[in-house]
Amino acid sequence: MAFREKVLWVSAAALLLVWGSYFGDLIAGLLARRIDAEASFGGFIRSVVLVVVIHVVASIVLAIASPKEANAAPDAREREINLSAYRPAYLVVAMLITLAMLATPVLVHAAPAILEGAEPGMIVAVVIGNSMLLALVAGELVHAVWQIARYRRES
């Protein structure tokens, strides 16, 4: 398995585990009819830091294990695989952002009834912000998985 493919596996796993946990907690809060904007923001910061730490540590470990590959410039095949993954990733981001935009008016009207006692403006901001974040995370996950699939198919 190539160095860059190993890094992609780590990236995809970190995205799934860390952001999956974050969004799971957020959805659990929504289903329980409560949302804490400060806790959500704290979870966001914690998730960003954790993903960065996992990625950096794993990249260092993988680079130590195969320094020659880690220092080599990407070849034409690797560049092509990376570029080919942008199209499906962009499509996922665009579709999810569009869906969030279309759902916003419904959310603005439904939020006060769904989450009693909470500030509707804050709820809408947290949910819309997190839907945008979900679009970015999903796009990055598609980008990594597409590349992994190409590496596997072409090996």
Protein backbone atom coordinates (compact mmCIF):
# COMPACT_ATOMS: atom_id res chain seq x y z
CA MET A 1 0.00 0.00 0.00
CA ALA A 2 1.38 3.40 -0.99
CA PHE A 3 2.22 6.04 1.62
CA ARG A 4 -0.43 8.45 0.35
CA GLU A 5 -3.06 5.71 0.39
CA LYS A 6 -2.22 4.95 4.03
CA VAL A 7 -2.60 8.64 4.87
CA LEU A 8 -5.99 8.62 3.13
CA TRP A 9 -7.13 5.62 5.21
CA VAL A 10 -6.17 7.45 8.40
CA SER A 11 -7.90 10.60 7.22
CA ALA A 12 -11.12 8.76 6.33
CA ALA A 13 -11.12 6.86 9.64
CA ALA A 14 -10.50 10.04 11.63
CA LEU A 15 -13.29 11.86 9.79
CA LEU A 16 -15.74 9.03 10.39
CA LEU A 17 -14.89 8.51 14.06
CA VAL A 18 -14.45 12.09 15.24
CA TRP A 19 -17.09 13.85 13.17
CA GLY A 20 -19.44 10.87 13.46
CA SER A 21 -19.30 11.22 17.23
CA TYR A 22 -19.79 15.00 17.02
CA PHE A 23 -22.81 14.77 14.73
CA GLY A 24 -24.19 11.85 16.73
CA ASP A 25 -24.15 14.00 19.87
CA LEU A 26 -25.77 16.87 18.00
CA ILE A 27 -28.55 14.66 16.62
CA ALA A 28 -29.11 13.13 20.06
CA GLY A 29 -29.57 16.64 21.45
CA LEU A 30 -32.05 17.51 18.74
CA LEU A 31 -34.02 14.32 19.26
CA ALA A 32 -34.12 15.02 23.00
CA ARG A 33 -35.54 18.45 22.09
CA ARG A 34 -32.65 20.36 23.56
CA ILE A 35 -29.67 22.04 22.02
CA ASP A 36 -26.79 23.74 23.79
CA ALA A 37 -24.99 26.15 21.48
CA GLU A 38 -21.99 26.48 23.80
CA ALA A 39 -21.59 22.70 24.12
CA SER A 40 -21.95 22.37 20.36
CA PHE A 41 -19.22 24.94 19.79
CA GLY A 42 -16.98 23.23 22.35
CA GLY A 43 -17.57 19.91 20.61
CA PHE A 44 -16.72 21.50 17.29
CA ILE A 45 -13.41 22.90 18.57
CA ARG A 46 -12.57 19.58 20.24
CA SER A 47 -13.34 17.70 17.03
CA VAL A 48 -11.21 19.99 14.87
CA VAL A 49 -8.25 19.67 17.23
CA LEU A 50 -8.66 15.90 17.48
CA VAL A 51 -8.81 15.40 13.70
CA VAL A 52 -5.71 17.56 13.22
CA VAL A 53 -3.79 15.74 15.97
CA ILE A 54 -4.74 12.31 14.62
CA HIS A 55 -3.76 13.28 11.10
CA VAL A 56 -0.43 14.85 12.11
CA VAL A 57 0.58 12.01 14.42
CA ALA A 58 -0.39 9.34 11.90
CA SER A 59 1.43 11.15 9.10
CA ILE A 60 4.57 11.38 11.22
CA VAL A 61 4.41 7.70 12.16
CA LEU A 62 3.80 6.66 8.55
CA ALA A 63 6.62 8.94 7.33
CA ILE A 64 9.03 7.44 9.86
CA ALA A 65 8.00 3.95 8.72
CA SER A 66 8.65 4.75 5.04
CA PRO A 67 10.70 7.96 4.75
CA LYS A 68 11.60 7.42 1.11
CA GLU A 69 7.94 7.33 0.01
CA ALA A 70 6.97 10.19 2.32
CA ASN A 71 9.58 12.51 0.80
CA ALA A 72 8.88 11.54 -2.81
CA ALA A 73 6.86 13.92 -4.93
CA PRO A 74 3.52 12.54 -6.11
CA ASP A 75 3.80 10.85 -9.48
CA ALA A 76 1.45 11.47 -12.40
CA ARG A 77 -0.88 8.63 -11.34
CA GLU A 78 -1.21 9.96 -7.78
CA ARG A 79 -1.87 13.49 -9.03
CA GLU A 80 -4.53 12.20 -11.43
CA ILE A 81 -6.20 10.15 -8.68
CA ASN A 82 -6.25 13.19 -6.39
CA LEU A 83 -7.70 15.43 -9.10
CA SER A 84 -10.34 12.88 -10.10
CA ALA A 85 -11.70 12.85 -6.55
CA TYR A 86 -12.61 16.54 -6.55
CA ARG A 87 -15.60 16.15 -8.89
CA PRO A 88 -17.64 13.73 -6.73
CA ALA A 89 -16.60 15.57 -3.56
CA TYR A 90 -17.75 18.90 -4.99
CA LEU A 91 -21.03 17.33 -6.12
CA VAL A 92 -21.72 16.08 -2.57
CA VAL A 93 -20.88 19.48 -1.04
CA ALA A 94 -23.05 21.32 -3.58
CA MET A 95 -26.03 19.01 -3.08
CA LEU A 96 -25.87 19.17 0.73
CA ILE A 97 -25.47 22.98 0.76
CA THR A 98 -28.45 23.28 -1.59
CA LEU A 99 -30.48 20.98 0.64
CA ALA A 100 -29.56 23.09 3.69
CA MET A 101 -30.57 26.26 1.87
CA LEU A 102 -33.93 24.75 0.89
CA ALA A 103 -34.54 23.48 4.45
CA THR A 104 -33.75 26.82 6.12
CA PRO A 105 -37.23 28.40 5.78
CA VAL A 106 -38.83 25.25 7.20
CA LEU A 107 -36.36 25.22 10.07
CA VAL A 108 -36.95 28.88 10.89
CA HIS A 109 -40.68 28.22 11.31
CA ALA A 110 -40.41 24.81 12.99
CA ALA A 111 -37.60 25.51 15.47
CA PRO A 112 -39.68 27.26 18.15
CA ALA A 113 -42.25 24.45 18.20
CA ILE A 114 -39.69 21.64 18.13
CA LEU A 115 -37.38 22.91 20.85
CA GLU A 116 -39.53 24.52 23.50
CA GLY A 117 -37.90 27.10 25.71
CA ALA A 118 -34.81 27.57 23.58
CA GLU A 119 -33.94 30.69 21.65
CA PRO A 120 -35.13 30.04 18.06
CA GLY A 121 -32.46 32.22 16.46
CA MET A 122 -29.69 30.32 18.20
CA ILE A 123 -31.20 26.95 17.29
CA VAL A 124 -31.45 27.91 13.64
CA ALA A 125 -27.88 29.22 13.62
CA VAL A 126 -26.52 26.05 15.22
CA VAL A 127 -28.44 23.71 12.93
CA ILE A 128 -27.66 25.64 9.73
CA GLY A 129 -24.01 26.04 10.70
CA ASN A 130 -23.75 22.35 11.44
CA SER A 131 -25.48 21.40 8.20
CA MET A 132 -22.82 23.41 6.34
CA LEU A 133 -20.14 21.67 8.40
CA LEU A 134 -21.70 18.31 7.55
CA ALA A 135 -21.51 19.19 3.85
CA LEU A 136 -17.80 19.97 4.16
CA VAL A 137 -17.04 16.84 6.16
CA ALA A 138 -19.05 14.67 3.76
CA GLY A 139 -17.23 16.23 0.80
CA GLU A 140 -13.85 15.56 2.38
CA LEU A 141 -14.87 12.00 3.18
CA VAL A 142 -15.99 11.42 -0.42
CA HIS A 143 -12.69 12.92 -1.62
CA ALA A 144 -10.68 10.48 0.52
CA VAL A 145 -12.83 7.42 -0.20
CA TRP A 146 -12.82 8.10 -3.95
CA GLN A 147 -9.03 8.20 -3.93
CA ILE A 148 -8.80 5.03 -1.82
CA ALA A 149 -11.13 3.24 -4.25
CA ARG A 150 -8.98 4.35 -7.19
CA TYR A 151 -5.80 3.19 -5.45
CA ARG A 152 -7.39 -0.19 -4.69
CA ARG A 153 -8.80 -0.59 -8.20
CA GLU A 154 -5.54 0.35 -9.91
CA SER A 155 -3.19 -1.66 -7.71
